[in-house]
Amino acid sequence: MRKKGRRIVEALELPKEVVFNLPIIQALGAEDVSITNYKSLMEIGTERVRINTADGQVVFTGKKLILKHVTSESITVSGDIDSIEFVR
């Protein structure tokens, strides 16, 4: 059903991130990354942050990581970000 749903969304030119509640990830330089449309926080630490989304987990690694901004719709991770990994 997921593949069929994606084909319908593409045929109708609907925004996938809205229909499937997919995460929107924006890097603001090398120190801030914002995720909109997340589900939950899985792990919070100064060297690793894991965030659950409808499309899998997003894992940040680095140093001095903090959650700079948190609302029910978006999170901003700030610090010396070394990597961003997508885990399905």
PDB file of N, CA and C in Angstrom:
ATOM      1  N   MET A   1       0.828  -1.202   0.000  1.00  0.00           N
ATOM      2  CA  MET A   1       0.000   0.000   0.000  1.00  0.00           C
ATOM      3  C   MET A   1       0.864   1.253   0.000  1.00  0.00           C
ATOM      4  N   ARG A   2       1.991   1.210   0.656  1.00  0.00           N
ATOM      5  CA  ARG A   2       2.856   2.388   0.742  1.00  0.00           C
ATOM      6  C   ARG A   2       3.354   2.795  -0.643  1.00  0.00           C
ATOM      7  N   LYS A   3       3.784   1.816  -1.488  1.00  0.00           N
ATOM      8  CA  LYS A   3       4.254   2.135  -2.837  1.00  0.00           C
ATOM      9  C   LYS A   3       3.127   2.708  -3.688  1.00  0.00           C
ATOM     10  N   LYS A   4       1.964   2.092  -3.584  1.00  0.00           N
ATOM     11  CA  LYS A   4       0.813   2.559  -4.352  1.00  0.00           C
ATOM     12  C   LYS A   4       0.432   3.977  -3.918  1.00  0.00           C
ATOM     13  N   GLY A   5       0.457   4.219  -2.613  1.00  0.00           N
ATOM     14  CA  GLY A   5       0.154   5.549  -2.084  1.00  0.00           C
ATOM     15  C   GLY A   5       1.134   6.590  -2.591  1.00  0.00           C
ATOM     16  N   ARG A   6       2.402   6.231  -2.647  1.00  0.00           N
ATOM     17  CA  ARG A   6       3.420   7.169  -3.144  1.00  0.00           C
ATOM     18  C   ARG A   6       3.179   7.493  -4.624  1.00  0.00           C
ATOM     19  N   ARG A   7       2.816   6.487  -5.404  1.00  0.00           N
ATOM     20  CA  ARG A   7       2.552   6.733  -6.824  1.00  0.00           C
ATOM     21  C   ARG A   7       1.355   7.660  -7.015  1.00  0.00           C
ATOM     22  N   ILE A   8       0.320   7.479  -6.208  1.00  0.00           N
ATOM     23  CA  ILE A   8      -0.863   8.345  -6.293  1.00  0.00           C
ATOM     24  C   ILE A   8      -0.494   9.782  -5.929  1.00  0.00           C
ATOM     25  N   VAL A   9       0.272   9.935  -4.849  1.00  0.00           N
ATOM     26  CA  VAL A   9       0.701  11.272  -4.412  1.00  0.00           C
ATOM     27  C   VAL A   9       1.524  11.951  -5.504  1.00  0.00           C
ATOM     28  N   GLU A  10       2.437  11.202  -6.123  1.00  0.00           N
ATOM     29  CA  GLU A  10       3.258  11.770  -7.190  1.00  0.00           C
ATOM     30  C   GLU A  10       2.408  12.139  -8.404  1.00  0.00           C
ATOM     31  N   ALA A  11       1.457  11.270  -8.767  1.00  0.00           N
ATOM     32  CA  ALA A  11       0.595  11.545  -9.928  1.00  0.00           C
ATOM     33  C   ALA A  11      -0.252  12.797  -9.703  1.00  0.00           C
ATOM     34  N   LEU A  12      -0.697  12.992  -8.462  1.00  0.00           N
ATOM     35  CA  LEU A  12      -1.523  14.159  -8.143  1.00  0.00           C
ATOM     36  C   LEU A  12      -0.693  15.391  -7.769  1.00  0.00           C
ATOM     37  N   GLU A  13       0.644  15.216  -7.756  1.00  0.00           N
ATOM     38  CA  GLU A  13       1.581  16.281  -7.418  1.00  0.00           C
ATOM     39  C   GLU A  13       1.301  16.894  -6.040  1.00  0.00           C
ATOM     40  N   LEU A  14       0.988  16.012  -5.076  1.00  0.00           N
ATOM     41  CA  LEU A  14       0.774  16.447  -3.699  1.00  0.00           C
ATOM     42  C   LEU A  14       2.116  16.449  -2.962  1.00  0.00           C
ATOM     43  N   PRO A  15       2.291  17.311  -1.974  1.00  0.00           N
ATOM     44  CA  PRO A  15       3.563  17.316  -1.227  1.00  0.00           C
ATOM     45  C   PRO A  15       3.678  16.064  -0.336  1.00  0.00           C
ATOM     46  N   LYS A  16       4.700  15.232  -0.601  1.00  0.00           N
ATOM     47  CA  LYS A  16       4.896  13.977   0.137  1.00  0.00           C
ATOM     48  C   LYS A  16       5.064  14.207   1.632  1.00  0.00           C
ATOM     49  N   GLU A  17       5.795  15.267   2.000  1.00  0.00           N
ATOM     50  CA  GLU A  17       6.060  15.504   3.414  1.00  0.00           C
ATOM     51  C   GLU A  17       4.776  15.779   4.195  1.00  0.00           C
ATOM     52  N   VAL A  18       3.780  16.337   3.543  1.00  0.00           N
ATOM     53  CA  VAL A  18       2.508  16.618   4.209  1.00  0.00           C
ATOM     54  C   VAL A  18       1.638  15.365   4.261  1.00  0.00           C
ATOM     55  N   VAL A  19       1.504  14.673   3.143  1.00  0.00           N
ATOM     56  CA  VAL A  19       0.641  13.487   3.068  1.00  0.00           C
ATOM     57  C   VAL A  19       1.151  12.364   3.968  1.00  0.00           C
ATOM     58  N   PHE A  20       2.467  12.119   3.953  1.00  0.00           N
ATOM     59  CA  PHE A  20       3.040  11.009   4.722  1.00  0.00           C
ATOM     60  C   PHE A  20       3.678  11.448   6.033  1.00  0.00           C
ATOM     61  N   ASN A  21       3.567  12.726   6.388  1.00  0.00           N
ATOM     62  CA  ASN A  21       4.162  13.278   7.609  1.00  0.00           C
ATOM     63  C   ASN A  21       5.671  13.010   7.677  1.00  0.00           C
ATOM     64  N   LEU A  22       6.344  13.148   6.518  1.00  0.00           N
ATOM     65  CA  LEU A  22       7.782  12.911   6.439  1.00  0.00           C
ATOM     66  C   LEU A  22       8.554  14.058   7.079  1.00  0.00           C
ATOM     67  N   PRO A  23       9.738  13.759   7.607  1.00  0.00           N
ATOM     68  CA  PRO A  23      10.520  14.820   8.238  1.00  0.00           C
ATOM     69  C   PRO A  23      11.096  15.782   7.211  1.00  0.00           C
ATOM     70  N   ILE A  24      11.160  17.038   7.600  1.00  0.00           N
ATOM     71  CA  ILE A  24      11.836  18.059   6.809  1.00  0.00           C
ATOM     72  C   ILE A  24      13.061  18.456   7.629  1.00  0.00           C
ATOM     73  N   ILE A  25      14.242  18.261   7.048  1.00  0.00           N
ATOM     74  CA  ILE A  25      15.486  18.493   7.765  1.00  0.00           C
ATOM     75  C   ILE A  25      16.223  19.654   7.101  1.00  0.00           C
ATOM     76  N   GLN A  26      16.550  20.662   7.912  1.00  0.00           N
ATOM     77  CA  GLN A  26      17.248  21.846   7.405  1.00  0.00           C
ATOM     78  C   GLN A  26      18.524  22.065   8.206  1.00  0.00           C
ATOM     79  N   ALA A  27      19.648  22.127   7.498  1.00  0.00           N
ATOM     80  CA  ALA A  27      20.920  22.432   8.150  1.00  0.00           C
ATOM     81  C   ALA A  27      21.153  23.932   8.075  1.00  0.00           C
ATOM     82  N   LEU A  28      21.425  24.508   9.215  1.00  0.00           N
ATOM     83  CA  LEU A  28      21.723  25.930   9.295  1.00  0.00           C
ATOM     84  C   LEU A  28      23.206  26.054   9.606  1.00  0.00           C
ATOM     85  N   GLY A  29      24.035  25.929   8.598  1.00  0.00           N
ATOM     86  CA  GLY A  29      25.475  25.879   8.798  1.00  0.00           C
ATOM     87  C   GLY A  29      25.861  24.504   9.335  1.00  0.00           C
ATOM     88  N   ALA A  30      26.990  24.438  10.008  1.00  0.00           N
ATOM     89  CA  ALA A  30      27.478  23.169  10.555  1.00  0.00           C
ATOM     90  C   ALA A  30      27.131  23.009  12.028  1.00  0.00           C
ATOM     91  N   GLU A  31      26.390  23.952  12.596  1.00  0.00           N
ATOM     92  CA  GLU A  31      26.142  23.913  14.033  1.00  0.00           C
ATOM     93  C   GLU A  31      24.684  23.755  14.430  1.00  0.00           C
ATOM     94  N   ASP A  32      23.741  23.976  13.529  1.00  0.00           N
ATOM     95  CA  ASP A  32      22.319  23.845  13.852  1.00  0.00           C
ATOM     96  C   ASP A  32      21.611  23.030  12.780  1.00  0.00           C
ATOM     97  N   VAL A  33      20.822  22.064  13.208  1.00  0.00           N
ATOM     98  CA  VAL A  33      19.987  21.287  12.290  1.00  0.00           C
ATOM     99  C   VAL A  33      18.585  21.238  12.869  1.00  0.00           C
ATOM    100  N   SER A  34      17.620  21.577  12.036  1.00  0.00           N
ATOM    101  CA  SER A  34      16.222  21.608  12.458  1.00  0.00           C
ATOM    102  C   SER A  34      15.454  20.472  11.775  1.00  0.00           C
ATOM    103  N   ILE A  35      14.632  19.755  12.551  1.00  0.00           N
ATOM    104  CA  ILE A  35      13.777  18.697  12.010  1.00  0.00           C
ATOM    105  C   ILE A  35      12.328  19.057  12.311  1.00  0.00           C
ATOM    106  N   THR A  36      11.534  19.144  11.256  1.00  0.00           N
ATOM    107  CA  THR A  36      10.100  19.357  11.387  1.00  0.00           C
ATOM    108  C   THR A  36       9.408  18.035  11.077  1.00  0.00           C
ATOM    109  N   ASN A  37       8.301  17.751  11.707  1.00  0.00           N
ATOM    110  CA  ASN A  37       7.537  16.493  11.550  1.00  0.00           C
ATOM    111  C   ASN A  37       8.267  15.308  12.174  1.00  0.00           C
ATOM    112  N   TYR A  38       8.640  15.419  13.424  1.00  0.00           N
ATOM    113  CA  TYR A  38       9.246  14.282  14.122  1.00  0.00           C
ATOM    114  C   TYR A  38       8.187  13.603  14.994  1.00  0.00           C
ATOM    115  N   LYS A  39       8.473  12.360  15.389  1.00  0.00           N
ATOM    116  CA  LYS A  39       7.545  11.629  16.258  1.00  0.00           C
ATOM    117  C   LYS A  39       7.943  11.717  17.725  1.00  0.00           C
ATOM    118  N   SER A  40       9.217  11.387  18.022  1.00  0.00           N
ATOM    119  CA  SER A  40       9.645  11.380  19.421  1.00  0.00           C
ATOM    120  C   SER A  40      11.161  11.463  19.524  1.00  0.00           C
ATOM    121  N   LEU A  41      11.619  11.828  20.712  1.00  0.00           N
ATOM    122  CA  LEU A  41      13.047  11.802  21.036  1.00  0.00           C
ATOM    123  C   LEU A  41      13.378  10.422  21.569  1.00  0.00           C
ATOM    124  N   MET A  42      14.378   9.783  21.013  1.00  0.00           N
ATOM    125  CA  MET A  42      14.757   8.442  21.445  1.00  0.00           C
ATOM    126  C   MET A  42      15.945   8.477  22.411  1.00  0.00           C
ATOM    127  N   GLU A  43      16.877   9.400  22.164  1.00  0.00           N
ATOM    128  CA  GLU A  43      18.096   9.478  22.978  1.00  0.00           C
ATOM    129  C   GLU A  43      18.604  10.917  22.947  1.00  0.00           C
ATOM    130  N   ILE A  44      18.979  11.412  24.119  1.00  0.00           N
ATOM    131  CA  ILE A  44      19.509  12.772  24.219  1.00  0.00           C
ATOM    132  C   ILE A  44      20.806  12.719  25.018  1.00  0.00           C
ATOM    133  N   GLY A  45      21.893  13.133  24.399  1.00  0.00           N
ATOM    134  CA  GLY A  45      23.172  13.184  25.081  1.00  0.00           C
ATOM    135  C   GLY A  45      24.027  14.274  24.462  1.00  0.00           C
ATOM    136  N   THR A  46      25.151  14.572  25.094  1.00  0.00           N
ATOM    137  CA  THR A  46      26.016  15.633  24.577  1.00  0.00           C
ATOM    138  C   THR A  46      26.811  15.200  23.350  1.00  0.00           C
ATOM    139  N   GLU A  47      26.861  13.862  23.089  1.00  0.00           N
ATOM    140  CA  GLU A  47      27.592  13.364  21.921  1.00  0.00           C
ATOM    141  C   GLU A  47      26.708  12.617  20.931  1.00  0.00           C
ATOM    142  N   ARG A  48      25.454  12.383  21.288  1.00  0.00           N
ATOM    143  CA  ARG A  48      24.553  11.651  20.386  1.00  0.00           C
ATOM    144  C   ARG A  48      23.098  12.018  20.688  1.00  0.00           C
ATOM    145  N   VAL A  49      22.331  12.286  19.624  1.00  0.00           N
ATOM    146  CA  VAL A  49      20.897  12.564  19.739  1.00  0.00           C
ATOM    147  C   VAL A  49      20.198  11.707  18.689  1.00  0.00           C
ATOM    148  N   ARG A  50      19.195  10.927  19.106  1.00  0.00           N
ATOM    149  CA  ARG A  50      18.395  10.104  18.178  1.00  0.00           C
ATOM    150  C   ARG A  50      16.960  10.596  18.192  1.00  0.00           C
ATOM    151  N   ILE A  51      16.424  10.815  16.999  1.00  0.00           N
ATOM    152  CA  ILE A  51      15.058  11.314  16.860  1.00  0.00           C
ATOM    153  C   ILE A  51      14.291  10.362  15.950  1.00  0.00           C
ATOM    154  N   ASN A  52      13.104   9.949  16.401  1.00  0.00           N
ATOM    155  CA  ASN A  52      12.258   9.047  15.622  1.00  0.00           C
ATOM    156  C   ASN A  52      11.344   9.868  14.712  1.00  0.00           C
ATOM    157  N   THR A  53      11.244   9.449  13.436  1.00  0.00           N
ATOM    158  CA  THR A  53      10.365  10.112  12.482  1.00  0.00           C
ATOM    159  C   THR A  53       9.514   9.058  11.786  1.00  0.00           C
ATOM    160  N   ALA A  54       8.572   9.478  10.974  1.00  0.00           N
ATOM    161  CA  ALA A  54       7.722   8.549  10.229  1.00  0.00           C
ATOM    162  C   ALA A  54       8.520   7.767   9.191  1.00  0.00           C
ATOM    163  N   ASP A  55       9.719   8.232   8.859  1.00  0.00           N
ATOM    164  CA  ASP A  55      10.549   7.579   7.841  1.00  0.00           C
ATOM    165  C   ASP A  55      11.774   6.892   8.443  1.00  0.00           C
ATOM    166  N   GLY A  56      11.802   6.684   9.746  1.00  0.00           N
ATOM    167  CA  GLY A  56      12.932   6.054  10.423  1.00  0.00           C
ATOM    168  C   GLY A  56      13.534   7.000  11.451  1.00  0.00           C
ATOM    169  N   GLN A  57      14.742   6.670  11.885  1.00  0.00           N
ATOM    170  CA  GLN A  57      15.417   7.482  12.894  1.00  0.00           C
ATOM    171  C   GLN A  57      16.473   8.379  12.247  1.00  0.00           C
ATOM    172  N   VAL A  58      16.675   9.534  12.847  1.00  0.00           N
ATOM    173  CA  VAL A  58      17.750  10.438  12.463  1.00  0.00           C
ATOM    174  C   VAL A  58      18.689  10.508  13.666  1.00  0.00           C
ATOM    175  N   VAL A  59      19.967  10.191  13.439  1.00  0.00           N
ATOM    176  CA  VAL A  59      20.947  10.136  14.520  1.00  0.00           C
ATOM    177  C   VAL A  59      22.015  11.202  14.275  1.00  0.00           C
ATOM    178  N   PHE A  60      22.189  12.079  15.260  1.00  0.00           N
ATOM    179  CA  PHE A  60      23.214  13.110  15.211  1.00  0.00           C
ATOM    180  C   PHE A  60      24.350  12.689  16.131  1.00  0.00           C
ATOM    181  N   THR A  61      25.581  12.817  15.666  1.00  0.00           N
ATOM    182  CA  THR A  61      26.735  12.592  16.531  1.00  0.00           C
ATOM    183  C   THR A  61      27.626  13.824  16.453  1.00  0.00           C
ATOM    184  N   GLY A  62      28.312  14.092  17.546  1.00  0.00           N
ATOM    185  CA  GLY A  62      29.191  15.250  17.611  1.00  0.00           C
ATOM    186  C   GLY A  62      29.611  15.530  19.038  1.00  0.00           C
ATOM    187  N   LYS A  63      29.843  16.790  19.324  1.00  0.00           N
ATOM    188  CA  LYS A  63      30.263  17.214  20.659  1.00  0.00           C
ATOM    189  C   LYS A  63      29.417  18.399  21.096  1.00  0.00           C
ATOM    190  N   LYS A  64      29.191  18.481  22.380  1.00  0.00           N
ATOM    191  CA  LYS A  64      28.438  19.593  22.977  1.00  0.00           C
ATOM    192  C   LYS A  64      27.053  19.762  22.349  1.00  0.00           C
ATOM    193  N   LEU A  65      26.411  18.635  22.026  1.00  0.00           N
ATOM    194  CA  LEU A  65      25.083  18.702  21.411  1.00  0.00           C
ATOM    195  C   LEU A  65      24.038  19.083  22.461  1.00  0.00           C
ATOM    196  N   ILE A  66      23.146  19.966  22.061  1.00  0.00           N
ATOM    197  CA  ILE A  66      22.026  20.368  22.917  1.00  0.00           C
ATOM    198  C   ILE A  66      20.780  20.494  22.051  1.00  0.00           C
ATOM    199  N   LEU A  67      19.626  20.433  22.697  1.00  0.00           N
ATOM    200  CA  LEU A  67      18.371  20.709  22.016  1.00  0.00           C
ATOM    201  C   LEU A  67      18.102  22.193  22.206  1.00  0.00           C
ATOM    202  N   LYS A  68      18.294  22.946  21.170  1.00  0.00           N
ATOM    203  CA  LYS A  68      18.192  24.403  21.239  1.00  0.00           C
ATOM    204  C   LYS A  68      16.741  24.869  21.221  1.00  0.00           C
ATOM    205  N   HIS A  69      15.910  24.150  20.478  1.00  0.00           N
ATOM    206  CA  HIS A  69      14.517  24.552  20.296  1.00  0.00           C
ATOM    207  C   HIS A  69      13.681  23.279  20.174  1.00  0.00           C
ATOM    208  N   VAL A  70      12.620  23.155  20.987  1.00  0.00           N
ATOM    209  CA  VAL A  70      11.757  21.972  20.933  1.00  0.00           C
ATOM    210  C   VAL A  70      10.302  22.415  21.015  1.00  0.00           C
ATOM    211  N   THR A  71       9.520  21.999  20.017  1.00  0.00           N
ATOM    212  CA  THR A  71       8.070  22.182  20.050  1.00  0.00           C
ATOM    213  C   THR A  71       7.454  20.844  19.666  1.00  0.00           C
ATOM    214  N   SER A  72       6.139  20.777  19.624  1.00  0.00           N
ATOM    215  CA  SER A  72       5.481  19.528  19.239  1.00  0.00           C
ATOM    216  C   SER A  72       5.683  19.207  17.759  1.00  0.00           C
ATOM    217  N   GLU A  73       6.128  20.172  16.972  1.00  0.00           N
ATOM    218  CA  GLU A  73       6.311  19.961  15.537  1.00  0.00           C
ATOM    219  C   GLU A  73       7.764  19.962  15.085  1.00  0.00           C
ATOM    220  N   SER A  74       8.652  20.635  15.833  1.00  0.00           N
ATOM    221  CA  SER A  74      10.037  20.738  15.367  1.00  0.00           C
ATOM    222  C   SER A  74      11.040  20.717  16.514  1.00  0.00           C
ATOM    223  N   ILE A  75      12.266  20.307  16.150  1.00  0.00           N
ATOM    224  CA  ILE A  75      13.392  20.255  17.086  1.00  0.00           C
ATOM    225  C   ILE A  75      14.603  20.845  16.378  1.00  0.00           C
ATOM    226  N   THR A  76      15.395  21.621  17.105  1.00  0.00           N
ATOM    227  CA  THR A  76      16.675  22.094  16.575  1.00  0.00           C
ATOM    228  C   THR A  76      17.786  21.553  17.458  1.00  0.00           C
ATOM    229  N   VAL A  77      18.697  20.808  16.839  1.00  0.00           N
ATOM    230  CA  VAL A  77      19.875  20.274  17.522  1.00  0.00           C
ATOM    231  C   VAL A  77      21.023  21.220  17.206  1.00  0.00           C
ATOM    232  N   SER A  78      21.757  21.616  18.241  1.00  0.00           N
ATOM    233  CA  SER A  78      22.849  22.568  18.074  1.00  0.00           C
ATOM    234  C   SER A  78      24.110  22.005  18.717  1.00  0.00           C
ATOM    235  N   GLY A  79      25.254  22.409  18.204  1.00  0.00           N
ATOM    236  CA  GLY A  79      26.540  21.974  18.740  1.00  0.00           C
ATOM    237  C   GLY A  79      27.518  21.695  17.623  1.00  0.00           C
ATOM    238  N   ASP A  80      28.590  21.003  17.943  1.00  0.00           N
ATOM    239  CA  ASP A  80      29.589  20.618  16.938  1.00  0.00           C
ATOM    240  C   ASP A  80      29.127  19.308  16.298  1.00  0.00           C
ATOM    241  N   ILE A  81      28.316  19.386  15.260  1.00  0.00           N
ATOM    242  CA  ILE A  81      27.719  18.208  14.621  1.00  0.00           C
ATOM    243  C   ILE A  81      28.722  17.606  13.646  1.00  0.00           C
ATOM    244  N   ASP A  82      29.097  16.339  13.902  1.00  0.00           N
ATOM    245  CA  ASP A  82      30.035  15.629  13.032  1.00  0.00           C
ATOM    246  C   ASP A  82      29.316  14.858  11.930  1.00  0.00           C
ATOM    247  N   SER A  83      28.170  14.251  12.280  1.00  0.00           N
ATOM    248  CA  SER A  83      27.463  13.449  11.273  1.00  0.00           C
ATOM    249  C   SER A  83      25.966  13.396  11.553  1.00  0.00           C
ATOM    250  N   ILE A  84      25.228  13.149  10.472  1.00  0.00           N
ATOM    251  CA  ILE A  84      23.795  12.923  10.530  1.00  0.00           C
ATOM    252  C   ILE A  84      23.538  11.619   9.802  1.00  0.00           C
ATOM    253  N   GLU A  85      22.949  10.660  10.500  1.00  0.00           N
ATOM    254  CA  GLU A  85      22.713   9.324   9.925  1.00  0.00           C
ATOM    255  C   GLU A  85      21.209   9.040   9.897  1.00  0.00           C
ATOM    256  N   PHE A  86      20.768   8.428   8.798  1.00  0.00           N
ATOM    257  CA  PHE A  86      19.375   8.034   8.652  1.00  0.00           C
ATOM    258  C   PHE A  86      19.287   6.517   8.796  1.00  0.00           C
ATOM    259  N   VAL A  87      18.489   6.047   9.760  1.00  0.00           N
ATOM    260  CA  VAL A  87      18.372   4.612  10.039  1.00  0.00           C
ATOM    261  C   VAL A  87      16.922   4.216   9.816  1.00  0.00           C
ATOM    262  N   ARG A  88      16.700   3.234   8.959  1.00  0.00           N
ATOM    263  CA  ARG A  88      15.325   2.768   8.688  1.00  0.00           C
ATOM    264  C   ARG A  88      15.092   1.452   9.348  1.00  0.00           C
TER     265      ARG A  88
END
